[in-house]
Amino acid sequence: MSPGEWVALIATAVFLLLSVVMVIVLIKLCRTLDEATLALHNLRVNSDPLFTGANTTINHLNTQLERVDGITANTQAVTGNVSALTSVFTATLGGPLVKVAAFSYGVNRALKARRKAKAVTDGRHARLARRGRAG
C-alpha cells in the first residue's frame, strides 16, 4: 500500500467515526425533542383545567362586583337622602331648638341664682334672729 492509500484509508475511518458520532448526537437530540414535545403536551393538558377554573373564578368575581356596584349605588342614594333630611331638620327645627335650649339654660341659671340669693338672705335673717335673741 502506498502512502496515498493509507491516507485515504485513515480519512475514510475518520469520516466513518465522525458519522457514527453524528448519528449518536442526532439520536440523543431526537430523544430530547421528543421529551420536550411530551412535556409541552402535558403542560397544555394540565393547564386547561387551571385556565377553566380561573375563568370560572373571574366570572364569579365579576358577578360579585356587579352586586357591590348595586349596593354602592344604593348606599350613595341613602347618603344623599340622609344629607337632605339633615338639611331640612336643621333649617326647620335647628334654629328653634337652639333658642329653646338657650332659654332653658337662662331660666336654669336664673333659678339657681335666685335660690342662692334666697339662701344667703335666709342665712342673714337667721343670724340676725340669733343675735337678737342673744342680745
Protein backbone atom coordinates (compact mmCIF):
# COMPACT_ATOMS: atom_id res chain seq x y z
CA MET A 1 0.00 0.00 0.00
CA SER A 2 1.15 3.33 -0.91
CA PRO A 3 1.13 6.33 1.40
CA GLY A 4 -1.78 7.84 -0.56
CA GLU A 5 -3.87 4.73 0.04
CA TRP A 6 -3.04 4.87 3.77
CA VAL A 7 -4.16 8.50 3.93
CA ALA A 8 -7.36 7.63 2.09
CA LEU A 9 -7.98 4.69 4.44
CA ILE A 10 -7.40 6.88 7.54
CA ALA A 11 -9.61 9.64 6.12
CA THR A 12 -12.38 7.09 5.47
CA ALA A 13 -12.06 5.73 9.02
CA VAL A 14 -12.18 9.26 10.48
CA PHE A 15 -15.20 10.08 8.30
CA LEU A 16 -16.91 6.86 9.42
CA LEU A 17 -16.15 7.62 13.08
CA LEU A 18 -17.48 11.18 12.73
CA SER A 19 -20.59 9.83 11.02
CA VAL A 20 -21.22 7.41 13.90
CA VAL A 21 -20.72 10.22 16.44
CA MET A 22 -23.12 12.46 14.47
CA VAL A 23 -25.74 9.70 14.35
CA ILE A 24 -25.46 9.24 18.14
CA VAL A 25 -25.77 13.00 18.68
CA LEU A 26 -28.79 13.16 16.36
CA ILE A 27 -30.46 10.26 18.16
CA LYS A 28 -29.96 11.99 21.52
CA LEU A 29 -31.23 15.26 20.07
CA CYS A 30 -34.34 13.48 18.76
CA ARG A 31 -34.97 11.97 22.20
CA THR A 32 -34.57 15.41 23.80
CA LEU A 33 -37.01 16.94 21.32
CA ASP A 34 -39.49 14.10 21.94
CA GLU A 35 -39.28 14.69 25.70
CA ALA A 36 -39.73 18.44 25.23
CA THR A 37 -42.75 17.82 22.99
CA LEU A 38 -44.23 15.44 25.56
CA ALA A 39 -43.61 17.97 28.37
CA LEU A 40 -45.31 20.72 26.38
CA HIS A 41 -48.26 18.43 25.65
CA ASN A 42 -48.61 17.54 29.33
CA LEU A 43 -48.31 21.20 30.26
CA ARG A 44 -51.13 22.10 27.88
CA VAL A 45 -53.33 19.24 29.08
CA ASN A 46 -52.75 20.08 32.74
CA SER A 47 -53.13 23.83 32.27
CA ASP A 48 -56.52 23.62 30.54
CA PRO A 49 -58.41 22.84 33.78
CA LEU A 50 -56.44 25.55 35.53
CA PHE A 51 -57.49 28.14 32.94
CA THR A 52 -61.06 26.89 33.04
CA GLY A 53 -61.10 27.29 36.82
CA ALA A 54 -59.56 30.75 36.53
CA ASN A 55 -62.24 31.78 34.02
CA THR A 56 -64.97 30.48 36.34
CA THR A 57 -63.46 32.39 39.25
CA ILE A 58 -63.23 35.59 37.22
CA ASN A 59 -66.85 35.24 36.07
CA HIS A 60 -67.96 34.74 39.68
CA LEU A 61 -65.88 37.73 40.74
CA ASN A 62 -67.48 39.90 38.05
CA THR A 63 -70.92 38.86 39.30
CA GLN A 64 -69.98 39.81 42.86
CA LEU A 65 -68.56 43.15 41.67
CA GLU A 66 -71.84 43.92 39.91
CA ARG A 67 -73.66 43.27 43.19
CA VAL A 68 -71.23 45.51 45.05
CA ASP A 69 -71.82 48.24 42.45
CA GLY A 70 -75.56 48.00 43.13
CA ILE A 71 -75.00 48.17 46.89
CA THR A 72 -72.69 51.15 46.45
CA ALA A 73 -75.28 52.97 44.32
CA ASN A 74 -77.98 52.30 46.94
CA THR A 75 -75.68 53.47 49.72
CA GLN A 76 -74.94 56.64 47.80
CA ALA A 77 -78.68 57.29 47.38
CA VAL A 78 -79.29 56.72 51.11
CA THR A 79 -76.42 59.06 51.96
CA GLY A 80 -77.93 61.75 49.76
CA ASN A 81 -81.35 61.28 51.37
CA VAL A 82 -79.88 61.48 54.89
CA SER A 83 -77.98 64.61 53.93
CA ALA A 84 -81.13 66.22 52.57
CA LEU A 85 -83.10 65.19 55.68
CA THR A 86 -80.40 66.64 57.92
CA SER A 87 -80.50 69.90 56.00
CA VAL A 88 -84.31 70.08 56.29
CA PHE A 89 -84.17 69.28 60.01
CA THR A 90 -81.50 71.89 60.61
CA ALA A 91 -83.40 74.51 58.64
CA THR A 92 -86.79 73.89 60.28
CA LEU A 93 -86.06 72.73 63.81
CA GLY A 94 -82.42 73.55 64.40
CA GLY A 95 -82.86 77.26 64.99
CA PRO A 96 -85.88 76.96 67.30
CA LEU A 97 -84.26 74.11 69.25
CA VAL A 98 -81.15 76.21 69.82
CA LYS A 99 -83.36 79.05 71.05
CA VAL A 100 -85.28 76.73 73.38
CA ALA A 101 -82.04 75.31 74.72
CA ALA A 102 -80.62 78.78 75.31
CA PHE A 103 -83.85 79.88 77.02
CA SER A 104 -83.84 76.77 79.24
CA TYR A 105 -80.23 77.39 80.16
CA GLY A 106 -81.00 81.02 81.03
CA VAL A 107 -84.03 80.08 83.14
CA ASN A 108 -81.98 77.41 84.92
CA ARG A 109 -79.20 79.89 85.69
CA ALA A 110 -81.71 82.49 86.91
CA LEU A 111 -83.38 79.95 89.21
CA LYS A 112 -80.05 78.86 90.62
CA ALA A 113 -79.03 82.48 91.21
CA ARG A 114 -82.38 83.19 92.90
CA ARG A 115 -82.06 80.13 95.13
CA LYS A 116 -78.54 81.13 96.05
CA ALA A 117 -79.62 84.69 96.85
CA LYS A 118 -82.55 83.39 98.92
CA ALA A 119 -80.23 81.05 100.79
CA VAL A 120 -77.88 83.93 101.53
CA THR A 121 -80.80 86.13 102.65
CA ASP A 122 -82.27 83.36 104.79
CA GLY A 123 -78.86 82.83 106.31
CA ARG A 124 -78.62 86.53 107.22
CA HIS A 125 -82.09 86.55 108.75
CA ALA A 126 -81.22 83.50 110.80
CA ARG A 127 -78.03 85.13 112.06
CA LEU A 128 -79.82 88.37 112.85
CA ALA A 129 -82.53 86.47 114.67
CA ARG A 130 -79.96 84.62 116.74
CA ARG A 131 -78.18 87.86 117.57
CA GLY A 132 -81.44 89.49 118.56
CA ARG A 133 -82.31 86.69 120.94
CA ALA A 134 -78.84 86.53 122.34
CA GLY A 135 -78.58 90.30 122.94
